[in-house]
Amino acid sequence: MGKVLARVPDDAAAGSGARSSFTGRLVLTQLLVVVSVLALAFGAAGWLQRGTVWRQAEEEALRVARVIAADPVVRERVAEQSARAVLDPAALRAGPLQKAAEAYRSSADLLFVVMTDEHGLRLTHPTPSSSAAA
């Protein structure tokens, strides 16, 4: 039996290489489009989720502040301090308001509790040395 050999013209071989290069570029472009769309989608979802978490944290902080401000003992002690002409920082550091703030902080697992009077002066602070400051 005889062997049949076929010779491929040089220009046909060059065309298949160009076709394969075009296909590779097309696949790469599609991959880049998919990755870009996914990155944008995850970025947008993260940005929206961040806003939701931030609003929830603000609402929770406001809820806790309202609970503390509604405590009759806290209200009475704040009114006593506000009535004074001069605040004594040493007395505030060891006083009942600082103890109440610390009790609220630890019982509610809060990062900090700061109480102020109606003039914005700090009556309690997580760093007691910062009490009685504007």
Protein backbone atom coordinates (compact mmCIF):
# COMPACT_ATOMS: atom_id res chain seq x y z
CA MET A 1 0.00 0.00 0.00
CA GLY A 2 1.21 3.36 -0.87
CA LYS A 3 1.39 6.34 1.39
CA VAL A 4 -0.40 9.53 0.51
CA LEU A 5 1.23 12.65 1.71
CA ALA A 6 -0.46 15.98 1.58
CA ARG A 7 1.38 19.18 1.67
CA VAL A 8 -0.23 22.13 3.44
CA PRO A 9 0.43 25.44 1.75
CA ASP A 10 2.37 27.94 3.87
CA ASP A 11 -0.35 30.57 3.73
CA ALA A 12 -2.98 28.11 5.12
CA ALA A 13 -0.77 27.31 8.11
CA ALA A 14 -0.35 30.99 8.82
CA GLY A 15 -4.14 31.48 8.79
CA SER A 16 -4.77 28.83 11.45
CA GLY A 17 -2.23 30.50 13.76
CA ALA A 18 -3.93 33.85 13.31
CA ARG A 19 -7.30 32.23 14.00
CA SER A 20 -6.00 30.66 17.20
CA SER A 21 -4.48 33.98 18.32
CA PHE A 22 -7.81 35.74 17.69
CA THR A 23 -9.66 33.07 19.70
CA GLY A 24 -7.23 33.50 22.59
CA ARG A 25 -7.72 37.25 22.61
CA LEU A 26 -11.50 36.79 22.49
CA VAL A 27 -11.47 34.41 25.46
CA LEU A 28 -9.20 36.77 27.39
CA THR A 29 -11.51 39.72 26.65
CA GLN A 30 -14.54 37.73 27.81
CA LEU A 31 -12.73 36.73 30.98
CA LEU A 32 -11.79 40.36 31.70
CA VAL A 33 -15.41 41.47 31.16
CA VAL A 34 -16.73 38.78 33.53
CA VAL A 35 -14.14 39.63 36.21
CA SER A 36 -14.88 43.37 35.86
CA VAL A 37 -18.64 42.85 36.16
CA LEU A 38 -18.18 40.62 39.21
CA ALA A 39 -15.85 43.17 40.84
CA LEU A 40 -18.38 45.96 40.24
CA ALA A 41 -21.26 43.85 41.56
CA PHE A 42 -19.40 42.85 44.73
CA GLY A 43 -18.17 46.41 45.22
CA ALA A 44 -21.69 47.82 44.94
CA ALA A 45 -23.07 45.16 47.29
CA GLY A 46 -20.34 45.91 49.84
CA TRP A 47 -20.96 49.64 49.62
CA LEU A 48 -24.71 49.18 50.14
CA GLN A 49 -24.13 46.76 53.04
CA ARG A 50 -21.73 49.21 54.68
CA GLY A 51 -24.42 51.89 54.66
CA THR A 52 -26.94 49.49 56.20
CA VAL A 53 -24.55 48.44 58.96
CA TRP A 54 -23.67 52.09 59.67
CA ARG A 55 -27.35 53.04 60.01
CA GLN A 56 -28.02 50.08 62.30
CA ALA A 57 -25.09 51.06 64.53
CA GLU A 58 -26.37 54.66 64.74
CA GLU A 59 -29.86 53.45 65.65
CA GLU A 60 -28.49 51.12 68.33
CA ALA A 61 -26.32 53.87 69.85
CA LEU A 62 -29.29 56.24 69.95
CA ARG A 63 -31.48 53.56 71.54
CA VAL A 64 -28.89 52.93 74.27
CA ALA A 65 -28.45 56.68 74.86
CA ARG A 66 -32.21 57.07 75.30
CA VAL A 67 -32.34 54.22 77.80
CA ILE A 68 -29.51 55.73 79.86
CA ALA A 69 -31.01 59.24 79.65
CA ALA A 70 -34.37 57.89 80.87
CA ASP A 71 -32.85 56.46 84.05
CA PRO A 72 -34.25 58.61 86.90
CA VAL A 73 -31.07 58.26 88.98
CA VAL A 74 -28.91 59.42 86.07
CA ARG A 75 -31.25 62.32 85.35
CA GLU A 76 -31.17 63.42 89.01
CA ARG A 77 -27.37 63.21 89.25
CA VAL A 78 -26.88 65.09 85.98
CA ALA A 79 -29.27 67.81 87.18
CA GLU A 80 -27.31 68.08 90.44
CA GLN A 81 -24.03 68.52 88.55
CA SER A 82 -25.57 71.01 86.12
CA ALA A 83 -26.82 73.16 88.99
CA ARG A 84 -23.28 73.64 90.31
CA ALA A 85 -21.48 76.81 89.37
CA VAL A 86 -18.15 74.95 89.11
CA LEU A 87 -17.64 71.28 88.39
CA ASP A 88 -15.08 69.36 90.42
CA PRO A 89 -13.26 66.96 88.06
CA ALA A 90 -11.88 64.86 90.94
CA ALA A 91 -15.36 64.37 92.38
CA LEU A 92 -16.74 63.48 88.96
CA ARG A 93 -14.02 60.88 88.35
CA ALA A 94 -14.95 58.94 91.48
CA GLY A 95 -18.58 59.98 91.61
CA PRO A 96 -21.82 58.10 91.10
CA LEU A 97 -22.25 59.21 87.49
CA GLN A 98 -18.90 57.73 86.49
CA LYS A 99 -19.82 54.50 88.29
CA ALA A 100 -23.22 54.42 86.57
CA ALA A 101 -21.61 54.99 83.18
CA GLU A 102 -19.16 52.16 83.81
CA ALA A 103 -21.99 49.90 84.98
CA TYR A 104 -23.97 50.60 81.80
CA ARG A 105 -20.86 50.11 79.68
CA SER A 106 -20.00 46.72 81.14
CA SER A 107 -23.56 45.38 81.42
CA ALA A 108 -24.49 46.29 77.84
CA ASP A 109 -21.06 45.36 76.41
CA LEU A 110 -20.56 48.89 75.06
CA LEU A 111 -17.24 50.38 73.99
CA PHE A 112 -17.81 53.56 76.01
CA VAL A 113 -20.44 55.73 77.69
CA VAL A 114 -20.07 59.49 77.92
CA MET A 115 -22.58 61.64 79.80
CA THR A 116 -22.78 65.39 79.37
CA ASP A 117 -24.83 68.18 80.87
CA GLU A 118 -27.05 70.48 78.81
CA HIS A 119 -24.04 72.73 78.15
CA GLY A 120 -22.04 69.90 76.59
CA LEU A 121 -19.60 69.49 79.49
CA ARG A 122 -18.55 65.88 79.98
CA LEU A 123 -19.62 64.55 83.33
CA THR A 124 -18.36 61.03 82.60
CA HIS A 125 -15.84 59.70 80.14
CA PRO A 126 -14.22 56.33 79.37
CA THR A 127 -10.96 57.96 80.40
CA PRO A 128 -11.92 59.43 83.79
CA SER A 129 -9.24 62.12 83.58
CA SER A 130 -11.22 63.63 80.68
CA SER A 131 -14.35 64.31 82.78
CA ALA A 132 -15.50 67.93 83.29
CA ALA A 133 -14.07 69.01 79.97
CA ALA A 134 -15.81 70.57 77.00
